[in-house]
Every structure is written in C-alpha cells, then in structure tokens.
Protein backbone atom coordinates (compact mmCIF):
# COMPACT_ATOMS: atom_id res chain seq x y z
CA MET A 1 -0.05 148.20 -32.86
CA PRO A 2 2.03 145.12 -32.06
CA ILE A 3 5.43 146.55 -33.05
CA SER A 4 6.63 148.79 -30.25
CA ASN A 5 10.09 149.56 -31.63
CA ILE A 6 12.27 148.90 -34.67
CA GLU A 7 16.06 148.94 -34.55
CA ARG A 8 17.42 149.00 -38.09
CA ASP A 9 21.03 148.41 -39.13
CA GLY A 10 21.45 148.46 -42.90
CA ASN A 11 19.37 145.66 -44.41
CA LYS A 12 18.77 144.05 -40.99
CA ALA A 13 16.22 145.05 -38.36
CA MET A 14 14.97 143.94 -34.96
CA PHE A 15 11.21 144.27 -34.52
CA TYR A 16 10.12 144.34 -30.89
CA VAL A 17 6.64 142.85 -30.80
CA HIS A 18 4.63 144.03 -27.83
CA GLY A 19 1.41 142.25 -27.00
CA ASN A 20 -0.41 139.54 -28.85
CA LEU A 21 -0.02 138.97 -32.57
CA THR A 22 -3.65 138.40 -33.53
CA SER A 23 -6.17 139.35 -36.20
CA ALA A 24 -7.04 142.46 -34.20
CA ASN A 25 -3.68 144.08 -34.91
CA VAL A 26 -1.78 142.42 -37.76
CA SER A 27 -3.04 144.80 -40.47
CA ASP A 28 -0.92 147.64 -39.05
CA MET A 29 2.08 145.34 -38.83
CA LYS A 30 1.56 144.15 -42.40
CA GLU A 31 1.95 147.67 -43.79
CA ILE A 32 5.05 148.36 -41.71
CA LEU A 33 6.72 145.13 -42.85
CA LYS A 34 5.76 145.68 -46.49
CA ASN A 35 7.29 149.17 -46.46
CA GLU A 36 10.47 148.04 -44.68
CA ILE A 37 11.03 145.20 -47.17
CA LYS A 38 10.37 147.58 -50.05
CA ASP A 39 13.05 149.88 -48.57
CA GLY A 40 15.65 147.09 -48.78
CA LEU A 41 15.31 145.21 -45.53
CA ASN A 42 15.96 141.49 -45.99
CA HIS A 43 16.94 140.20 -42.53
CA LEU A 44 14.07 140.56 -40.07
CA ILE A 45 14.33 139.53 -36.44
CA PHE A 46 11.16 139.47 -34.34
CA ASP A 47 11.62 139.73 -30.57
CA PHE A 48 8.67 138.02 -28.88
CA ALA A 49 9.77 138.63 -25.28
CA ASN A 50 6.50 140.54 -24.68
CA THR A 51 4.22 138.32 -26.78
CA GLN A 52 2.13 135.51 -25.32
CA ILE A 53 -0.43 134.69 -28.03
CA ILE A 54 -0.22 134.27 -31.78
CA ASP A 55 -3.28 133.29 -33.81
CA SER A 56 -3.60 132.19 -37.43
CA SER A 57 -3.42 135.80 -38.65
CA GLY A 58 -0.17 136.31 -36.77
CA ILE A 59 1.28 133.13 -38.22
CA GLY A 60 0.09 134.24 -41.64
CA ILE A 61 1.97 137.54 -41.43
CA LEU A 62 5.14 135.74 -40.35
CA VAL A 63 4.90 133.25 -43.22
CA ALA A 64 4.13 136.01 -45.74
CA THR A 65 7.13 137.98 -44.48
CA TYR A 66 9.32 134.90 -44.78
CA ASN A 67 8.10 134.30 -48.33
CA SER A 68 8.78 137.91 -49.33
CA VAL A 69 12.32 138.06 -47.98
CA SER A 70 13.33 134.57 -49.04
CA LYS A 71 12.68 135.59 -52.66
CA ILE A 72 15.42 138.20 -52.30
CA GLY A 73 17.85 135.99 -50.38
CA GLY A 74 16.82 137.22 -46.95
CA ARG A 75 15.76 135.53 -43.77
CA VAL A 76 13.45 135.77 -40.78
CA GLU A 77 14.29 134.95 -37.18
CA ILE A 78 12.21 134.81 -34.02
CA VAL A 79 13.92 135.33 -30.69
CA ASN A 80 12.72 135.23 -27.08
CA ALA A 81 9.55 133.29 -27.92
CA SER A 82 7.68 131.64 -25.07
CA ALA A 83 7.66 127.86 -24.80
CA ASP A 84 4.04 127.81 -26.00
CA ILE A 85 4.80 129.84 -29.12
CA LYS A 86 7.86 127.69 -29.88
CA LYS A 87 5.76 124.55 -29.48
CA LEU A 88 3.02 125.93 -31.76
CA LEU A 89 5.52 126.79 -34.50
CA GLN A 90 7.21 123.38 -34.14
CA HIS A 91 3.87 121.58 -34.49
CA MET A 92 3.15 123.59 -37.62
CA ARG A 93 6.63 122.72 -38.95
CA LEU A 94 7.52 126.41 -39.17
CA SER A 95 10.25 126.69 -36.53
CA GLU A 96 13.14 126.05 -38.93
CA ARG A 97 11.71 128.19 -41.72
CA LEU A 98 11.09 131.07 -39.33
CA GLY A 99 14.43 130.67 -37.55
CA VAL A 100 12.98 130.22 -34.08
CA MET A 101 15.71 130.54 -31.46
C-alpha cells in the first residue's frame, strides 16, 4: 500500500506516500482517500519524499481526489516531490491545480 502514514488534524491531513504510485497499488489508496473525504477531510497534503515514480493511474487518483475536494471548497497539495515528478506534473499542466510545492 502506498500510504505509509496519515497525520490528521481536523479537516486537514498529511498522507506520507511510500514507494511508487502506480496501477499496482492505487486501488488501496483510492478507498482510503474516499473514506477520509467522506469523513470530512477537505485539505489533503501528499508527501512524496519517498516516491520516485507516478504512472497514469497515480495521476488519475490525484486528479480524482482534487476534483472531489474542490467541490467542497477543499484543496490538494504535493510536497517533497522529486524534480522528475514536478516536471511531469508541470508538463501535464497539473502542478498549480495539485498545489505542487
């Protein structure tokens, strides 16, 4: 499972992503995120310090999460992303939407 730890503070949470965010493991993450948003979370921060690869499924889960929380006035942020991941998200014109820092 790609999420190794979740630190929640009210409606905000830091998700520590460990390993690659690929089709092999996003289904577990999808359920976790869906349940957290249902429970009132609307500010999600993904820490990618331990993530090197994101494929189309990983990008899809990030975009779906953004779409879900933006409907309720929330936001998504990505912190500690590698230069390659930042570049990928910039090329896809997602870095602003996903709050890449």
